[in-house]
């Protein structure tokens, strides 16, 4: 298919409505930080809560810890006023 045929097919697909006319957007490649294997003790109910959501509970725990870290980090470039 040519680029024009691909665009025409996408424009005829209702799932793509409004997505082909986005201009000026860019994508950024994000390389996740390296993981460090550790042993951590968690309260049983906390661990059960994360495990109840299914596979990937360790990633969810990491995401919560990262959100806390980001919220607690001092803001750079602000004077507090």
PDB file of N, CA and C in Angstrom:
ATOM      1  N   UNK A   1       0.833  -1.185   0.000  1.00  0.00           N
ATOM      2  CA  UNK A   1       0.000   0.000   0.000  1.00  0.00           C
ATOM      3  C   UNK A   1       0.880   1.252   0.000  1.00  0.00           C
ATOM      4  N   UNK A   2       0.413   2.246  -0.669  1.00  0.00           N
ATOM      5  CA  UNK A   2       1.123   3.519  -0.660  1.00  0.00           C
ATOM      6  C   UNK A   2       0.747   4.284   0.606  1.00  0.00           C
ATOM      7  N   UNK A   3       1.499   5.333   0.904  1.00  0.00           N
ATOM      8  CA  UNK A   3       1.206   6.163   2.070  1.00  0.00           C
ATOM      9  C   UNK A   3      -0.185   6.777   1.952  1.00  0.00           C
ATOM     10  N   UNK A   4      -0.551   7.148   0.733  1.00  0.00           N
ATOM     11  CA  UNK A   4      -1.873   7.731   0.524  1.00  0.00           C
ATOM     12  C   UNK A   4      -2.981   6.718   0.787  1.00  0.00           C
ATOM     13  N   UNK A   5      -2.766   5.462   0.366  1.00  0.00           N
ATOM     14  CA  UNK A   5      -3.756   4.410   0.596  1.00  0.00           C
ATOM     15  C   UNK A   5      -3.894   4.102   2.089  1.00  0.00           C
ATOM     16  N   UNK A   6      -2.768   4.107   2.788  1.00  0.00           N
ATOM     17  CA  UNK A   6      -2.797   3.868   4.229  1.00  0.00           C
ATOM     18  C   UNK A   6      -3.578   4.982   4.920  1.00  0.00           C
ATOM     19  N   UNK A   7      -3.311   6.235   4.544  1.00  0.00           N
ATOM     20  CA  UNK A   7      -4.019   7.363   5.155  1.00  0.00           C
ATOM     21  C   UNK A   7      -5.518   7.302   4.840  1.00  0.00           C
ATOM     22  N   UNK A   8      -5.861   6.963   3.605  1.00  0.00           N
ATOM     23  CA  UNK A   8      -7.273   6.870   3.228  1.00  0.00           C
ATOM     24  C   UNK A   8      -7.971   5.776   4.032  1.00  0.00           C
ATOM     25  N   UNK A   9      -7.300   4.652   4.212  1.00  0.00           N
ATOM     26  CA  UNK A   9      -7.876   3.560   4.991  1.00  0.00           C
ATOM     27  C   UNK A   9      -8.057   3.981   6.447  1.00  0.00           C
ATOM     28  N   UNK A  10      -7.072   4.685   6.989  1.00  0.00           N
ATOM     29  CA  UNK A  10      -7.176   5.145   8.373  1.00  0.00           C
ATOM     30  C   UNK A  10      -8.301   6.164   8.515  1.00  0.00           C
ATOM     31  N   UNK A  11      -8.445   7.071   7.550  1.00  0.00           N
ATOM     32  CA  UNK A  11      -9.506   8.089   7.618  1.00  0.00           C
ATOM     33  C   UNK A  11     -10.893   7.465   7.525  1.00  0.00           C
ATOM     34  N   UNK A  12     -11.013   6.308   6.870  1.00  0.00           N
ATOM     35  CA  UNK A  12     -12.314   5.651   6.762  1.00  0.00           C
ATOM     36  C   UNK A  12     -12.639   4.808   7.998  1.00  0.00           C
ATOM     37  N   UNK A  13     -11.665   4.638   8.896  1.00  0.00           N
ATOM     38  CA  UNK A  13     -11.860   3.853  10.109  1.00  0.00           C
ATOM     39  C   UNK A  13     -12.334   4.780  11.232  1.00  0.00           C
ATOM     40  N   UNK A  14     -13.532   4.546  11.790  1.00  0.00           N
ATOM     41  CA  UNK A  14     -14.050   5.448  12.823  1.00  0.00           C
ATOM     42  C   UNK A  14     -13.181   5.498  14.086  1.00  0.00           C
ATOM     43  N   UNK A  15     -12.391   4.472  14.333  1.00  0.00           N
ATOM     44  CA  UNK A  15     -11.519   4.486  15.507  1.00  0.00           C
ATOM     45  C   UNK A  15     -10.390   5.509  15.382  1.00  0.00           C
ATOM     46  N   UNK A  16     -10.101   5.952  14.173  1.00  0.00           N
ATOM     47  CA  UNK A  16      -9.022   6.917  13.938  1.00  0.00           C
ATOM     48  C   UNK A  16      -9.548   8.350  13.825  1.00  0.00           C
ATOM     49  N   UNK A  17     -10.849   8.551  13.992  1.00  0.00           N
ATOM     50  CA  UNK A  17     -11.440   9.869  13.813  1.00  0.00           C
ATOM     51  C   UNK A  17     -10.735  10.920  14.675  1.00  0.00           C
ATOM     52  N   UNK A  18     -10.253  11.958  14.031  1.00  0.00           N
ATOM     53  CA  UNK A  18      -9.594  13.056  14.722  1.00  0.00           C
ATOM     54  C   UNK A  18      -8.134  12.827  15.054  1.00  0.00           C
ATOM     55  N   UNK A  19      -7.631  11.635  14.841  1.00  0.00           N
ATOM     56  CA  UNK A  19      -6.246  11.349  15.208  1.00  0.00           C
ATOM     57  C   UNK A  19      -5.250  11.611  14.080  1.00  0.00           C
ATOM     58  N   UNK A  20      -5.729  11.731  12.860  1.00  0.00           N
ATOM     59  CA  UNK A  20      -4.811  11.915  11.739  1.00  0.00           C
ATOM     60  C   UNK A  20      -4.476  13.378  11.501  1.00  0.00           C
ATOM     61  N   UNK A  21      -5.208  14.273  12.132  1.00  0.00           N
ATOM     62  CA  UNK A  21      -4.984  15.694  11.888  1.00  0.00           C
ATOM     63  C   UNK A  21      -4.206  16.363  13.014  1.00  0.00           C
ATOM     64  N   UNK A  22      -3.554  15.586  13.832  1.00  0.00           N
ATOM     65  CA  UNK A  22      -2.732  16.149  14.905  1.00  0.00           C
ATOM     66  C   UNK A  22      -1.416  16.622  14.300  1.00  0.00           C
ATOM     67  N   UNK A  23      -1.104  17.872  14.541  1.00  0.00           N
ATOM     68  CA  UNK A  23       0.143  18.419  14.011  1.00  0.00           C
ATOM     69  C   UNK A  23       1.018  18.896  15.149  1.00  0.00           C
ATOM     70  N   UNK A  24       2.298  18.814  14.945  1.00  0.00           N
ATOM     71  CA  UNK A  24       3.241  19.346  15.905  1.00  0.00           C
ATOM     72  C   UNK A  24       3.492  18.468  17.118  1.00  0.00           C
ATOM     73  N   UNK A  25       2.957  17.265  17.124  1.00  0.00           N
ATOM     74  CA  UNK A  25       3.206  16.397  18.262  1.00  0.00           C
ATOM     75  C   UNK A  25       4.521  15.666  18.067  1.00  0.00           C
ATOM     76  N   UNK A  26       5.144  15.327  19.133  1.00  0.00           N
ATOM     77  CA  UNK A  26       6.389  14.566  19.083  1.00  0.00           C
ATOM     78  C   UNK A  26       6.295  13.418  20.082  1.00  0.00           C
ATOM     79  N   UNK A  27       7.068  12.428  19.832  1.00  0.00           N
ATOM     80  CA  UNK A  27       7.141  11.296  20.748  1.00  0.00           C
ATOM     81  C   UNK A  27       8.509  11.302  21.415  1.00  0.00           C
ATOM     82  N   UNK A  28       8.542  10.910  22.659  1.00  0.00           N
ATOM     83  CA  UNK A  28       9.791  10.841  23.398  1.00  0.00           C
ATOM     84  C   UNK A  28      10.017   9.397  23.815  1.00  0.00           C
ATOM     85  N   UNK A  29      11.209   8.901  23.536  1.00  0.00           N
ATOM     86  CA  UNK A  29      11.567   7.557  23.962  1.00  0.00           C
ATOM     87  C   UNK A  29      11.985   7.644  25.425  1.00  0.00           C
ATOM     88  N   UNK A  30      11.338   6.850  26.254  1.00  0.00           N
ATOM     89  CA  UNK A  30      11.660   6.835  27.674  1.00  0.00           C
ATOM     90  C   UNK A  30      12.286   5.487  28.006  1.00  0.00           C
ATOM     91  N   UNK A  31      13.510   5.527  28.499  1.00  0.00           N
ATOM     92  CA  UNK A  31      14.192   4.312  28.905  1.00  0.00           C
ATOM     93  C   UNK A  31      13.959   4.148  30.398  1.00  0.00           C
ATOM     94  N   UNK A  32      13.307   3.057  30.806  1.00  0.00           N
ATOM     95  CA  UNK A  32      13.044   2.893  32.233  1.00  0.00           C
ATOM     96  C   UNK A  32      14.339   2.754  33.024  1.00  0.00           C
ATOM     97  N   UNK A  33      14.320   3.246  34.251  1.00  0.00           N
ATOM     98  CA  UNK A  33      15.535   3.121  35.071  1.00  0.00           C
ATOM     99  C   UNK A  33      15.855   1.653  35.340  1.00  0.00           C
ATOM    100  N   UNK A  34      17.109   1.398  35.575  1.00  0.00           N
ATOM    101  CA  UNK A  34      17.551   0.045  35.888  1.00  0.00           C
ATOM    102  C   UNK A  34      16.940  -0.382  37.223  1.00  0.00           C
ATOM    103  N   UNK A  35      16.498  -1.616  37.296  1.00  0.00           N
ATOM    104  CA  UNK A  35      15.911  -2.153  38.521  1.00  0.00           C
ATOM    105  C   UNK A  35      17.007  -2.802  39.364  1.00  0.00           C
ATOM    106  N   UNK A  36      16.860  -2.689  40.686  1.00  0.00           N
ATOM    107  CA  UNK A  36      17.788  -3.315  41.619  1.00  0.00           C
ATOM    108  C   UNK A  36      17.027  -4.392  42.395  1.00  0.00           C
ATOM    109  N   UNK A  37      17.514  -5.623  42.351  1.00  0.00           N
ATOM    110  CA  UNK A  37      16.836  -6.673  43.123  1.00  0.00           C
ATOM    111  C   UNK A  37      17.079  -6.443  44.615  1.00  0.00           C
ATOM    112  N   UNK A  38      15.993  -6.450  45.389  1.00  0.00           N
ATOM    113  CA  UNK A  38      16.100  -6.253  46.838  1.00  0.00           C
ATOM    114  C   UNK A  38      15.151  -7.204  47.544  1.00  0.00           C
ATOM    115  N   UNK A  39      15.287  -7.262  48.845  1.00  0.00           N
ATOM    116  CA  UNK A  39      14.330  -7.969  49.689  1.00  0.00           C
ATOM    117  C   UNK A  39      13.674  -6.907  50.561  1.00  0.00           C
ATOM    118  N   UNK A  40      12.352  -6.904  50.615  1.00  0.00           N
ATOM    119  CA  UNK A  40      11.626  -5.906  51.385  1.00  0.00           C
ATOM    120  C   UNK A  40      10.521  -6.599  52.162  1.00  0.00           C
ATOM    121  N   UNK A  41      10.286  -6.138  53.368  1.00  0.00           N
ATOM    122  CA  UNK A  41       9.211  -6.697  54.184  1.00  0.00           C
ATOM    123  C   UNK A  41       8.042  -5.723  54.151  1.00  0.00           C
ATOM    124  N   UNK A  42       6.879  -6.253  53.747  1.00  0.00           N
ATOM    125  CA  UNK A  42       5.658  -5.457  53.678  1.00  0.00           C
ATOM    126  C   UNK A  42       4.616  -6.063  54.594  1.00  0.00           C
ATOM    127  N   UNK A  43       3.702  -5.250  55.080  1.00  0.00           N
ATOM    128  CA  UNK A  43       2.584  -5.781  55.845  1.00  0.00           C
ATOM    129  C   UNK A  43       1.802  -6.728  54.939  1.00  0.00           C
ATOM    130  N   UNK A  44       1.322  -7.816  55.511  1.00  0.00           N
ATOM    131  CA  UNK A  44       0.621  -8.831  54.722  1.00  0.00           C
ATOM    132  C   UNK A  44      -0.577  -8.254  53.979  1.00  0.00           C
ATOM    133  N   UNK A  45      -1.337  -7.357  54.638  1.00  0.00           N
ATOM    134  CA  UNK A  45      -2.516  -6.802  53.978  1.00  0.00           C
ATOM    135  C   UNK A  45      -2.147  -5.875  52.830  1.00  0.00           C
ATOM    136  N   UNK A  46      -1.010  -5.187  52.954  1.00  0.00           N
ATOM    137  CA  UNK A  46      -0.546  -4.321  51.866  1.00  0.00           C
ATOM    138  C   UNK A  46      -0.173  -5.181  50.659  1.00  0.00           C
ATOM    139  N   UNK A  47       0.586  -6.232  50.896  1.00  0.00           N
ATOM    140  CA  UNK A  47       0.978  -7.128  49.810  1.00  0.00           C
ATOM    141  C   UNK A  47      -0.246  -7.785  49.184  1.00  0.00           C
ATOM    142  N   UNK A  48      -1.192  -8.214  50.004  1.00  0.00           N
ATOM    143  CA  UNK A  48      -2.409  -8.849  49.483  1.00  0.00           C
ATOM    144  C   UNK A  48      -3.199  -7.872  48.611  1.00  0.00           C
ATOM    145  N   UNK A  49      -3.245  -6.614  49.007  1.00  0.00           N
ATOM    146  CA  UNK A  49      -3.946  -5.594  48.227  1.00  0.00           C
ATOM    147  C   UNK A  49      -3.360  -5.497  46.820  1.00  0.00           C
ATOM    148  N   UNK A  50      -2.039  -5.399  46.714  1.00  0.00           N
ATOM    149  CA  UNK A  50      -1.397  -5.273  45.403  1.00  0.00           C
ATOM    150  C   UNK A  50      -1.510  -6.566  44.596  1.00  0.00           C
ATOM    151  N   UNK A  51      -1.360  -7.706  45.241  1.00  0.00           N
ATOM    152  CA  UNK A  51      -1.466  -8.981  44.530  1.00  0.00           C
ATOM    153  C   UNK A  51      -2.879  -9.241  44.027  1.00  0.00           C
ATOM    154  N   UNK A  52      -3.886  -8.708  44.712  1.00  0.00           N
ATOM    155  CA  UNK A  52      -5.281  -8.944  44.327  1.00  0.00           C
ATOM    156  C   UNK A  52      -5.601  -8.380  42.947  1.00  0.00           C
ATOM    157  N   UNK A  53      -4.819  -7.414  42.491  1.00  0.00           N
ATOM    158  CA  UNK A  53      -5.040  -6.823  41.168  1.00  0.00           C
ATOM    159  C   UNK A  53      -4.465  -7.675  40.053  1.00  0.00           C
ATOM    160  N   UNK A  54      -3.790  -8.762  40.407  1.00  0.00           N
ATOM    161  CA  UNK A  54      -3.261  -9.665  39.397  1.00  0.00           C
ATOM    162  C   UNK A  54      -1.781  -9.475  39.142  1.00  0.00           C
ATOM    163  N   UNK A  55      -1.287 -10.099  38.071  1.00  0.00           N
ATOM    164  CA  UNK A  55       0.136 -10.022  37.745  1.00  0.00           C
ATOM    165  C   UNK A  55       0.594  -8.569  37.595  1.00  0.00           C
ATOM    166  N   UNK A  56       1.854  -8.336  37.927  1.00  0.00           N
ATOM    167  CA  UNK A  56       2.421  -6.995  37.820  1.00  0.00           C
ATOM    168  C   UNK A  56       2.359  -6.218  39.126  1.00  0.00           C
ATOM    169  N   UNK A  57       2.073  -6.913  40.237  1.00  0.00           N
ATOM    170  CA  UNK A  57       1.936  -6.204  41.508  1.00  0.00           C
ATOM    171  C   UNK A  57       3.236  -5.512  41.920  1.00  0.00           C
ATOM    172  N   UNK A  58       4.379  -6.088  41.584  1.00  0.00           N
ATOM    173  CA  UNK A  58       5.649  -5.444  41.935  1.00  0.00           C
ATOM    174  C   UNK A  58       5.818  -4.131  41.177  1.00  0.00           C
ATOM    175  N   UNK A  59       5.386  -4.097  39.914  1.00  0.00           N
ATOM    176  CA  UNK A  59       5.446  -2.848  39.145  1.00  0.00           C
ATOM    177  C   UNK A  59       4.518  -1.807  39.743  1.00  0.00           C
ATOM    178  N   UNK A  60       3.343  -2.239  40.221  1.00  0.00           N
ATOM    179  CA  UNK A  60       2.416  -1.293  40.839  1.00  0.00           C
ATOM    180  C   UNK A  60       2.978  -0.743  42.141  1.00  0.00           C
ATOM    181  N   UNK A  61       3.604  -1.593  42.934  1.00  0.00           N
ATOM    182  CA  UNK A  61       4.239  -1.115  44.169  1.00  0.00           C
ATOM    183  C   UNK A  61       5.320  -0.104  43.820  1.00  0.00           C
ATOM    184  N   UNK A  62       6.119  -0.396  42.802  1.00  0.00           N
ATOM    185  CA  UNK A  62       7.169   0.527  42.378  1.00  0.00           C
ATOM    186  C   UNK A  62       6.572   1.855  41.918  1.00  0.00           C
ATOM    187  N   UNK A  63       5.450   1.799  41.190  1.00  0.00           N
ATOM    188  CA  UNK A  63       4.811   3.022  40.703  1.00  0.00           C
ATOM    189  C   UNK A  63       4.318   3.890  41.860  1.00  0.00           C
ATOM    190  N   UNK A  64       3.768   3.254  42.901  1.00  0.00           N
ATOM    191  CA  UNK A  64       3.313   4.009  44.073  1.00  0.00           C
ATOM    192  C   UNK A  64       4.508   4.658  44.769  1.00  0.00           C
ATOM    193  N   UNK A  65       5.588   3.913  44.933  1.00  0.00           N
ATOM    194  CA  UNK A  65       6.783   4.470  45.571  1.00  0.00           C
ATOM    195  C   UNK A  65       7.365   5.616  44.741  1.00  0.00           C
ATOM    196  N   UNK A  66       7.360   5.471  43.410  1.00  0.00           N
ATOM    197  CA  UNK A  66       7.872   6.543  42.545  1.00  0.00           C
ATOM    198  C   UNK A  66       7.001   7.790  42.655  1.00  0.00           C
ATOM    199  N   UNK A  67       5.675   7.610  42.693  1.00  0.00           N
ATOM    200  CA  UNK A  67       4.769   8.755  42.830  1.00  0.00           C
ATOM    201  C   UNK A  67       5.037   9.483  44.143  1.00  0.00           C
ATOM    202  N   UNK A  68       5.258   8.725  45.213  1.00  0.00           N
ATOM    203  CA  UNK A  68       5.579   9.345  46.500  1.00  0.00           C
ATOM    204  C   UNK A  68       6.896  10.098  46.417  1.00  0.00           C
ATOM    205  N   UNK A  69       7.896   9.471  45.807  1.00  0.00           N
ATOM    206  CA  UNK A  69       9.207  10.104  45.658  1.00  0.00           C
ATOM    207  C   UNK A  69       9.094  11.392  44.851  1.00  0.00           C
ATOM    208  N   UNK A  70       8.367  11.346  43.733  1.00  0.00           N
ATOM    209  CA  UNK A  70       8.210  12.537  42.888  1.00  0.00           C
ATOM    210  C   UNK A  70       7.477  13.647  43.627  1.00  0.00           C
ATOM    211  N   UNK A  71       6.476  13.290  44.413  1.00  0.00           N
ATOM    212  CA  UNK A  71       5.712  14.295  45.155  1.00  0.00           C
ATOM    213  C   UNK A  71       6.554  14.918  46.264  1.00  0.00           C
ATOM    214  N   UNK A  72       7.463  14.141  46.832  1.00  0.00           N
ATOM    215  CA  UNK A  72       8.279  14.631  47.938  1.00  0.00           C
ATOM    216  C   UNK A  72       9.536  15.366  47.485  1.00  0.00           C
ATOM    217  N   UNK A  73       9.893  15.203  46.204  1.00  0.00           N
ATOM    218  CA  UNK A  73      11.122  15.820  45.693  1.00  0.00           C
ATOM    219  C   UNK A  73      10.959  17.330  45.667  1.00  0.00           C
ATOM    220  N   UNK A  74      12.005  18.058  46.041  1.00  0.00           N
ATOM    221  CA  UNK A  74      11.921  19.526  45.962  1.00  0.00           C
ATOM    222  C   UNK A  74      11.750  19.967  44.519  1.00  0.00           C
ATOM    223  N   UNK A  75      10.932  20.963  44.317  1.00  0.00           N
ATOM    224  CA  UNK A  75      10.667  21.492  42.986  1.00  0.00           C
ATOM    225  C   UNK A  75      11.847  22.353  42.545  1.00  0.00           C
ATOM    226  N   UNK A  76      12.414  22.042  41.399  1.00  0.00           N
ATOM    227  CA  UNK A  76      13.499  22.856  40.878  1.00  0.00           C
ATOM    228  C   UNK A  76      12.924  24.002  40.051  1.00  0.00           C
ATOM    229  N   UNK A  77      13.562  25.128  40.105  1.00  0.00           N
ATOM    230  CA  UNK A  77      13.149  26.260  39.287  1.00  0.00           C
ATOM    231  C   UNK A  77      11.988  27.051  39.844  1.00  0.00           C
ATOM    232  N   UNK A  78      11.604  26.763  41.099  1.00  0.00           N
ATOM    233  CA  UNK A  78      10.542  27.556  41.707  1.00  0.00           C
ATOM    234  C   UNK A  78      11.100  28.266  42.924  1.00  0.00           C
ATOM    235  N   UNK A  79      10.549  29.461  43.200  1.00  0.00           N
ATOM    236  CA  UNK A  79      11.023  30.219  44.347  1.00  0.00           C
ATOM    237  C   UNK A  79      10.090  30.115  45.529  1.00  0.00           C
ATOM    238  N   UNK A  80       9.015  29.318  45.379  1.00  0.00           N
ATOM    239  CA  UNK A  80       8.084  29.118  46.469  1.00  0.00           C
ATOM    240  C   UNK A  80       7.095  30.230  46.639  1.00  0.00           C
ATOM    241  N   UNK A  81       7.136  31.244  45.789  1.00  0.00           N
ATOM    242  CA  UNK A  81       6.205  32.379  45.933  1.00  0.00           C
ATOM    243  C   UNK A  81       4.953  32.153  45.142  1.00  0.00           C
TER     244      UNK A  81
END
